[in-house]
């Protein structure tokens, strides 16, 4: 299955929280979008890997993803090395995306910055034909390098290089995040309180989206950073 956009995310819920509106907008335009979660989020203080897998499935259905898989890398302990790059290279070659979205270049959670670097380098290496990988059918995979790699903006503020208007898809994003009921906007339930579990965190998420939207003259937006300048052929394509 060839995808237009592949999201490489360190944890289940990173994609929805940081790019859910962008994903929904792309799918509404007829694009094929998939998510590869690097870890199961097993070090999270709330919920279990099994719970988060069910939540990820529900969120995927709300967004209309073409595919979602989890690589099962070790939460908190994965590294940017050959062992961890190879399964990502296999995924990139399997889905042949034109665009990859991945974690923030640096953030409060160290997995985010490390996942960002891991994903970015794996995307580059995926284009080297001398790196040999096998597909699910056991056959050699062709080299493939995405045309563009963009990075989320997560907990820590980063100045966006561009902002996607998600105003028409805000409610879909909101529902996809809410699918992670073990993680977000939860009442006192005997489980540990975390940085993201209180209703106040959702207020922050909404405020950030409104701030980015305001910057481009719309209601809600999601910001991204780039690794290299974006080329355009027509200035009228920007607003």
C-alpha atoms as a PDB file:
ATOM      1  CA  UNK A   1       0.000   0.000   0.000  1.00  0.00           C
ATOM      2  CA  UNK A   2       1.462   3.339  -1.032  1.00  0.00           C
ATOM      3  CA  UNK A   3       0.643   6.211   1.291  1.00  0.00           C
ATOM      4  CA  UNK A   4       0.648   9.930   0.598  1.00  0.00           C
ATOM      5  CA  UNK A   5       1.540  10.745   4.213  1.00  0.00           C
ATOM      6  CA  UNK A   6       3.138   8.546   6.871  1.00  0.00           C
ATOM      7  CA  UNK A   7       3.250   9.674  10.492  1.00  0.00           C
ATOM      8  CA  UNK A   8       6.122   8.264  12.558  1.00  0.00           C
ATOM      9  CA  UNK A   9       5.294   8.862  16.210  1.00  0.00           C
ATOM     10  CA  UNK A  10       7.160   7.884  19.368  1.00  0.00           C
ATOM     11  CA  UNK A  11       4.002   7.041  21.333  1.00  0.00           C
ATOM     12  CA  UNK A  12       0.371   6.170  20.649  1.00  0.00           C
ATOM     13  CA  UNK A  13      -1.518   9.519  20.857  1.00  0.00           C
ATOM     14  CA  UNK A  14       1.397  11.692  19.613  1.00  0.00           C
ATOM     15  CA  UNK A  15      -0.043  11.690  16.082  1.00  0.00           C
ATOM     16  CA  UNK A  16      -3.552  12.681  17.186  1.00  0.00           C
ATOM     17  CA  UNK A  17      -2.429  15.253  19.697  1.00  0.00           C
ATOM     18  CA  UNK A  18      -0.005  17.054  17.392  1.00  0.00           C
ATOM     19  CA  UNK A  19      -1.225  16.360  13.857  1.00  0.00           C
ATOM     20  CA  UNK A  20      -4.765  15.018  14.183  1.00  0.00           C
ATOM     21  CA  UNK A  21      -6.290  17.972  12.354  1.00  0.00           C
ATOM     22  CA  UNK A  22      -3.706  17.824   9.582  1.00  0.00           C
ATOM     23  CA  UNK A  23      -4.323  14.095   9.167  1.00  0.00           C
ATOM     24  CA  UNK A  24      -8.095  14.600   9.025  1.00  0.00           C
ATOM     25  CA  UNK A  25      -7.727  17.440   6.500  1.00  0.00           C
ATOM     26  CA  UNK A  26      -5.500  15.342   4.235  1.00  0.00           C
ATOM     27  CA  UNK A  27      -7.883  12.374   4.349  1.00  0.00           C
ATOM     28  CA  UNK A  28     -10.808  14.682   3.533  1.00  0.00           C
ATOM     29  CA  UNK A  29      -8.846  15.700   0.412  1.00  0.00           C
ATOM     30  CA  UNK A  30      -8.610  12.056  -0.641  1.00  0.00           C
ATOM     31  CA  UNK A  31      -5.073  11.415   0.593  1.00  0.00           C
ATOM     32  CA  UNK A  32      -4.019   8.070   2.043  1.00  0.00           C
ATOM     33  CA  UNK A  33      -2.520   8.516   5.509  1.00  0.00           C
ATOM     34  CA  UNK A  34      -1.026   5.965   7.882  1.00  0.00           C
ATOM     35  CA  UNK A  35       0.614   5.988  11.301  1.00  0.00           C
ATOM     36  CA  UNK A  36       3.537   3.952  12.578  1.00  0.00           C
ATOM     37  CA  UNK A  37       3.841   4.184  16.365  1.00  0.00           C
ATOM     38  CA  UNK A  38       7.379   3.416  17.479  1.00  0.00           C
ATOM     39  CA  UNK A  39       6.498   2.224  21.003  1.00  0.00           C
ATOM     40  CA  UNK A  40       3.468   0.951  22.901  1.00  0.00           C
ATOM     41  CA  UNK A  41       3.811   3.694  25.515  1.00  0.00           C
ATOM     42  CA  UNK A  42       4.370   1.031  28.160  1.00  0.00           C
ATOM     43  CA  UNK A  43       6.150   3.402  30.550  1.00  0.00           C
ATOM     44  CA  UNK A  44       3.135   5.679  30.796  1.00  0.00           C
ATOM     45  CA  UNK A  45       1.866   6.252  34.326  1.00  0.00           C
ATOM     46  CA  UNK A  46      -1.748   5.684  33.283  1.00  0.00           C
ATOM     47  CA  UNK A  47      -3.358   2.832  31.403  1.00  0.00           C
ATOM     48  CA  UNK A  48      -1.682  -0.246  29.975  1.00  0.00           C
ATOM     49  CA  UNK A  49      -0.179  -1.056  26.556  1.00  0.00           C
ATOM     50  CA  UNK A  50      -3.277  -3.133  25.810  1.00  0.00           C
ATOM     51  CA  UNK A  51      -5.579  -0.239  26.708  1.00  0.00           C
ATOM     52  CA  UNK A  52      -3.595   2.189  24.607  1.00  0.00           C
ATOM     53  CA  UNK A  53      -3.672  -0.214  21.651  1.00  0.00           C
ATOM     54  CA  UNK A  54      -7.486  -0.278  21.820  1.00  0.00           C
ATOM     55  CA  UNK A  55      -7.561   3.497  22.117  1.00  0.00           C
ATOM     56  CA  UNK A  56      -5.240   3.854  19.119  1.00  0.00           C
ATOM     57  CA  UNK A  57      -7.541   1.631  17.067  1.00  0.00           C
ATOM     58  CA  UNK A  58     -10.562   3.752  18.008  1.00  0.00           C
ATOM     59  CA  UNK A  59      -8.703   6.961  17.165  1.00  0.00           C
ATOM     60  CA  UNK A  60      -7.594   5.494  13.825  1.00  0.00           C
ATOM     61  CA  UNK A  61     -11.183   4.721  12.894  1.00  0.00           C
ATOM     62  CA  UNK A  62     -12.284   8.247  13.803  1.00  0.00           C
ATOM     63  CA  UNK A  63      -9.576   9.745  11.621  1.00  0.00           C
ATOM     64  CA  UNK A  64     -10.046   7.288   8.760  1.00  0.00           C
ATOM     65  CA  UNK A  65      -6.451   6.078   8.604  1.00  0.00           C
ATOM     66  CA  UNK A  66      -5.510   3.649   5.837  1.00  0.00           C
ATOM     67  CA  UNK A  67      -3.153   1.735   8.132  1.00  0.00           C
ATOM     68  CA  UNK A  68      -1.709   1.837  11.633  1.00  0.00           C
ATOM     69  CA  UNK A  69       1.031  -0.386  13.010  1.00  0.00           C
ATOM     70  CA  UNK A  70       3.151  -0.428  16.144  1.00  0.00           C
ATOM     71  CA  UNK A  71       6.837  -1.350  15.940  1.00  0.00           C
ATOM     72  CA  UNK A  72       7.047  -2.261  19.637  1.00  0.00           C
ATOM     73  CA  UNK A  73      10.328  -0.454  20.273  1.00  0.00           C
ATOM     74  CA  UNK A  74      11.232  -0.012  23.935  1.00  0.00           C
ATOM     75  CA  UNK A  75       9.476   3.014  25.399  1.00  0.00           C
ATOM     76  CA  UNK A  76      12.007   5.356  26.971  1.00  0.00           C
ATOM     77  CA  UNK A  77      14.992   3.277  25.896  1.00  0.00           C
ATOM     78  CA  UNK A  78      14.978   3.154  22.099  1.00  0.00           C
ATOM     79  CA  UNK A  79      18.037   4.691  20.488  1.00  0.00           C
ATOM     80  CA  UNK A  80      18.995   6.171  17.152  1.00  0.00           C
ATOM     81  CA  UNK A  81      21.123   3.271  15.985  1.00  0.00           C
ATOM     82  CA  UNK A  82      21.092   0.596  13.308  1.00  0.00           C
ATOM     83  CA  UNK A  83      18.953  -1.805  15.356  1.00  0.00           C
ATOM     84  CA  UNK A  84      16.170   0.753  15.660  1.00  0.00           C
ATOM     85  CA  UNK A  85      16.571   2.385  12.257  1.00  0.00           C
ATOM     86  CA  UNK A  86      16.055  -0.818  10.278  1.00  0.00           C
ATOM     87  CA  UNK A  87      12.392  -1.471  11.219  1.00  0.00           C
ATOM     88  CA  UNK A  88      11.569   2.149  10.376  1.00  0.00           C
ATOM     89  CA  UNK A  89      13.382   1.836   7.055  1.00  0.00           C
ATOM     90  CA  UNK A  90      11.302  -1.261   6.343  1.00  0.00           C
ATOM     91  CA  UNK A  91       8.100   0.658   7.133  1.00  0.00           C
ATOM     92  CA  UNK A  92       9.079   3.609   4.937  1.00  0.00           C
ATOM     93  CA  UNK A  93       9.896   1.284   2.045  1.00  0.00           C
ATOM     94  CA  UNK A  94       6.681  -0.663   2.569  1.00  0.00           C
ATOM     95  CA  UNK A  95       4.400   2.395   2.461  1.00  0.00           C
ATOM     96  CA  UNK A  96       6.500   4.673   0.180  1.00  0.00           C
ATOM     97  CA  UNK A  97       5.141   7.970   1.542  1.00  0.00           C
ATOM     98  CA  UNK A  98       5.733  11.276  -0.208  1.00  0.00           C
ATOM     99  CA  UNK A  99       5.561  13.126   3.118  1.00  0.00           C
ATOM    100  CA  UNK A 100       6.580  12.006   6.599  1.00  0.00           C
ATOM    101  CA  UNK A 101       5.401  13.748   9.757  1.00  0.00           C
ATOM    102  CA  UNK A 102       7.341  12.988  12.936  1.00  0.00           C
ATOM    103  CA  UNK A 103       8.000  14.198  16.457  1.00  0.00           C
ATOM    104  CA  UNK A 104       9.259  17.603  17.575  1.00  0.00           C
ATOM    105  CA  UNK A 105      12.989  18.166  17.146  1.00  0.00           C
ATOM    106  CA  UNK A 106      13.229  18.698  20.914  1.00  0.00           C
ATOM    107  CA  UNK A 107      10.613  18.617  23.641  1.00  0.00           C
ATOM    108  CA  UNK A 108       9.829  18.017  27.306  1.00  0.00           C
ATOM    109  CA  UNK A 109       9.753  14.224  26.814  1.00  0.00           C
ATOM    110  CA  UNK A 110      13.158  12.948  25.649  1.00  0.00           C
ATOM    111  CA  UNK A 111      11.501  10.266  23.501  1.00  0.00           C
ATOM    112  CA  UNK A 112      10.093  13.004  21.294  1.00  0.00           C
ATOM    113  CA  UNK A 113      13.384  14.583  20.284  1.00  0.00           C
ATOM    114  CA  UNK A 114      15.088  11.192  20.053  1.00  0.00           C
ATOM    115  CA  UNK A 115      12.203   9.804  17.990  1.00  0.00           C
ATOM    116  CA  UNK A 116      12.413  12.831  15.725  1.00  0.00           C
ATOM    117  CA  UNK A 117      16.078  12.244  14.977  1.00  0.00           C
ATOM    118  CA  UNK A 118      15.571   8.496  14.593  1.00  0.00           C
ATOM    119  CA  UNK A 119      12.721   8.966  12.118  1.00  0.00           C
ATOM    120  CA  UNK A 120      14.518  11.644  10.123  1.00  0.00           C
ATOM    121  CA  UNK A 121      17.728   9.655   9.745  1.00  0.00           C
ATOM    122  CA  UNK A 122      15.837   6.458   8.922  1.00  0.00           C
ATOM    123  CA  UNK A 123      13.972   8.306   6.148  1.00  0.00           C
ATOM    124  CA  UNK A 124      17.291   9.343   4.625  1.00  0.00           C
ATOM    125  CA  UNK A 125      18.843   5.905   4.969  1.00  0.00           C
ATOM    126  CA  UNK A 126      15.759   4.336   3.419  1.00  0.00           C
ATOM    127  CA  UNK A 127      16.825   5.892   0.129  1.00  0.00           C
ATOM    128  CA  UNK A 128      20.183   4.097   0.074  1.00  0.00           C
ATOM    129  CA  UNK A 129      19.917   0.986  -2.087  1.00  0.00           C
ATOM    130  CA  UNK A 130      22.957  -0.620  -0.455  1.00  0.00           C
ATOM    131  CA  UNK A 131      20.961  -1.018   2.769  1.00  0.00           C
ATOM    132  CA  UNK A 132      19.121  -4.272   2.245  1.00  0.00           C
ATOM    133  CA  UNK A 133      15.778  -4.994   3.894  1.00  0.00           C
ATOM    134  CA  UNK A 134      13.052  -7.557   3.341  1.00  0.00           C
ATOM    135  CA  UNK A 135       9.337  -6.914   3.111  1.00  0.00           C
ATOM    136  CA  UNK A 136       6.573  -8.818   4.850  1.00  0.00           C
ATOM    137  CA  UNK A 137       6.581 -11.242   1.909  1.00  0.00           C
ATOM    138  CA  UNK A 138      10.268 -12.004   2.441  1.00  0.00           C
ATOM    139  CA  UNK A 139      11.250 -10.273  -0.797  1.00  0.00           C
ATOM    140  CA  UNK A 140      13.904  -7.511  -1.047  1.00  0.00           C
ATOM    141  CA  UNK A 141      12.506  -4.014  -0.691  1.00  0.00           C
ATOM    142  CA  UNK A 142      13.291  -1.209  -3.124  1.00  0.00           C
ATOM    143  CA  UNK A 143      14.970   1.906  -1.742  1.00  0.00           C
ATOM    144  CA  UNK A 144      12.576   4.801  -1.058  1.00  0.00           C
ATOM    145  CA  UNK A 145      13.183   8.262   0.358  1.00  0.00           C
ATOM    146  CA  UNK A 146      10.248  10.554   1.235  1.00  0.00           C
ATOM    147  CA  UNK A 147      10.316  13.889  -0.556  1.00  0.00           C
ATOM    148  CA  UNK A 148       9.688  15.835   2.641  1.00  0.00           C
ATOM    149  CA  UNK A 149      10.000  15.323   6.401  1.00  0.00           C
ATOM    150  CA  UNK A 150       8.131  17.711   8.705  1.00  0.00           C
ATOM    151  CA  UNK A 151       8.148  17.839  12.504  1.00  0.00           C
ATOM    152  CA  UNK A 152       5.333  18.316  15.021  1.00  0.00           C
ATOM    153  CA  UNK A 153       5.357  21.039  17.626  1.00  0.00           C
ATOM    154  CA  UNK A 154       4.535  19.364  20.928  1.00  0.00           C
ATOM    155  CA  UNK A 155       4.620  20.436  24.570  1.00  0.00           C
ATOM    156  CA  UNK A 156       7.415  23.004  24.332  1.00  0.00           C
ATOM    157  CA  UNK A 157       6.760  25.982  22.101  1.00  0.00           C
ATOM    158  CA  UNK A 158       8.697  26.126  18.839  1.00  0.00           C
ATOM    159  CA  UNK A 159       8.212  28.785  16.208  1.00  0.00           C
ATOM    160  CA  UNK A 160       6.437  27.047  13.310  1.00  0.00           C
ATOM    161  CA  UNK A 161       7.859  27.186   9.809  1.00  0.00           C
ATOM    162  CA  UNK A 162       4.347  26.665   8.473  1.00  0.00           C
ATOM    163  CA  UNK A 163       0.854  26.236   9.912  1.00  0.00           C
ATOM    164  CA  UNK A 164      -1.934  24.007   8.572  1.00  0.00           C
ATOM    165  CA  UNK A 165      -5.490  25.331   8.791  1.00  0.00           C
ATOM    166  CA  UNK A 166      -7.433  22.640  10.667  1.00  0.00           C
ATOM    167  CA  UNK A 167     -10.509  24.717  11.490  1.00  0.00           C
ATOM    168  CA  UNK A 168     -12.890  22.468   9.548  1.00  0.00           C
ATOM    169  CA  UNK A 169     -11.434  19.392  11.247  1.00  0.00           C
ATOM    170  CA  UNK A 170     -11.061  20.567  14.827  1.00  0.00           C
ATOM    171  CA  UNK A 171     -13.859  18.398  16.153  1.00  0.00           C
ATOM    172  CA  UNK A 172     -12.395  15.305  14.466  1.00  0.00           C
ATOM    173  CA  UNK A 173      -9.026  16.022  16.054  1.00  0.00           C
ATOM    174  CA  UNK A 174     -10.700  16.568  19.412  1.00  0.00           C
ATOM    175  CA  UNK A 175     -12.580  13.262  19.160  1.00  0.00           C
ATOM    176  CA  UNK A 176      -9.434  11.366  18.134  1.00  0.00           C
ATOM    177  CA  UNK A 177      -7.546  12.679  21.167  1.00  0.00           C
ATOM    178  CA  UNK A 178     -10.511  11.953  23.437  1.00  0.00           C
ATOM    179  CA  UNK A 179     -10.352   8.325  22.265  1.00  0.00           C
ATOM    180  CA  UNK A 180      -7.337   8.005  24.590  1.00  0.00           C
ATOM    181  CA  UNK A 181      -9.547   8.037  27.644  1.00  0.00           C
ATOM    182  CA  UNK A 182      -6.836   6.593  29.873  1.00  0.00           C
ATOM    183  CA  UNK A 183      -4.569   9.556  29.175  1.00  0.00           C
ATOM    184  CA  UNK A 184      -6.493  12.807  28.744  1.00  0.00           C
ATOM    185  CA  UNK A 185      -9.065  14.917  30.561  1.00  0.00           C
ATOM    186  CA  UNK A 186      -9.806  12.344  33.249  1.00  0.00           C
ATOM    187  CA  UNK A 187     -11.408  12.791  36.638  1.00  0.00           C
ATOM    188  CA  UNK A 188      -9.855  11.514  39.852  1.00  0.00           C
ATOM    189  CA  UNK A 189      -9.935   7.727  39.416  1.00  0.00           C
ATOM    190  CA  UNK A 190      -7.242   6.441  41.744  1.00  0.00           C
ATOM    191  CA  UNK A 191      -4.572   6.401  39.039  1.00  0.00           C
ATOM    192  CA  UNK A 192      -1.626   8.805  39.098  1.00  0.00           C
ATOM    193  CA  UNK A 193      -2.167  12.366  37.999  1.00  0.00           C
ATOM    194  CA  UNK A 194       0.108  13.221  35.071  1.00  0.00           C
ATOM    195  CA  UNK A 195       1.212  16.217  33.056  1.00  0.00           C
ATOM    196  CA  UNK A 196      -1.446  15.497  30.433  1.00  0.00           C
ATOM    197  CA  UNK A 197      -4.326  13.949  32.398  1.00  0.00           C
ATOM    198  CA  UNK A 198      -5.994  17.077  33.773  1.00  0.00           C
ATOM    199  CA  UNK A 199      -8.693  19.120  31.990  1.00  0.00           C
ATOM    200  CA  UNK A 200      -6.268  22.043  32.071  1.00  0.00           C
ATOM    201  CA  UNK A 201      -3.990  20.255  29.619  1.00  0.00           C
ATOM    202  CA  UNK A 202      -6.754  20.166  27.032  1.00  0.00           C
ATOM    203  CA  UNK A 203      -7.245  23.910  27.538  1.00  0.00           C
ATOM    204  CA  UNK A 204      -3.567  24.277  26.688  1.00  0.00           C
ATOM    205  CA  UNK A 205      -3.941  22.152  23.540  1.00  0.00           C
ATOM    206  CA  UNK A 206      -6.874  24.254  22.390  1.00  0.00           C
ATOM    207  CA  UNK A 207      -5.094  27.507  23.202  1.00  0.00           C
ATOM    208  CA  UNK A 208      -2.044  26.405  21.185  1.00  0.00           C
ATOM    209  CA  UNK A 209      -4.241  25.508  18.215  1.00  0.00           C
ATOM    210  CA  UNK A 210      -6.022  28.848  18.454  1.00  0.00           C
ATOM    211  CA  UNK A 211      -2.682  30.671  18.690  1.00  0.00           C
ATOM    212  CA  UNK A 212      -1.334  28.971  15.570  1.00  0.00           C
ATOM    213  CA  UNK A 213      -4.645  29.522  13.784  1.00  0.00           C
ATOM    214  CA  UNK A 214      -4.645  33.192  14.745  1.00  0.00           C
ATOM    215  CA  UNK A 215      -1.160  33.556  13.255  1.00  0.00           C
ATOM    216  CA  UNK A 216      -2.524  32.672   9.788  1.00  0.00           C
ATOM    217  CA  UNK A 217      -5.957  34.261  10.166  1.00  0.00           C
ATOM    218  CA  UNK A 218      -8.069  31.162  10.848  1.00  0.00           C
ATOM    219  CA  UNK A 219      -9.678  29.641  13.948  1.00  0.00           C
ATOM    220  CA  UNK A 220      -7.472  26.585  14.528  1.00  0.00           C
ATOM    221  CA  UNK A 221      -4.066  25.557  13.234  1.00  0.00           C
ATOM    222  CA  UNK A 222      -1.303  22.991  13.694  1.00  0.00           C
ATOM    223  CA  UNK A 223       2.284  24.118  13.374  1.00  0.00           C
ATOM    224  CA  UNK A 224       5.252  22.227  11.949  1.00  0.00           C
ATOM    225  CA  UNK A 225       8.960  22.820  11.537  1.00  0.00           C
ATOM    226  CA  UNK A 226      11.091  21.842   8.558  1.00  0.00           C
ATOM    227  CA  UNK A 227      14.619  20.546   8.059  1.00  0.00           C
ATOM    228  CA  UNK A 228      15.248  22.534   4.885  1.00  0.00           C
ATOM    229  CA  UNK A 229      13.529  25.429   3.081  1.00  0.00           C
ATOM    230  CA  UNK A 230      10.234  24.701   1.364  1.00  0.00           C
ATOM    231  CA  UNK A 231      10.285  25.444  -2.349  1.00  0.00           C
ATOM    232  CA  UNK A 232       7.258  26.943  -4.118  1.00  0.00           C
ATOM    233  CA  UNK A 233       6.564  27.605  -7.789  1.00  0.00           C
ATOM    234  CA  UNK A 234       3.521  29.814  -7.295  1.00  0.00           C
ATOM    235  CA  UNK A 235       3.245  32.460  -4.583  1.00  0.00           C
ATOM    236  CA  UNK A 236      -0.524  32.358  -4.925  1.00  0.00           C
ATOM    237  CA  UNK A 237      -0.496  28.893  -3.381  1.00  0.00           C
ATOM    238  CA  UNK A 238       0.200  30.449   0.029  1.00  0.00           C
ATOM    239  CA  UNK A 239      -2.094  32.561   2.141  1.00  0.00           C
END
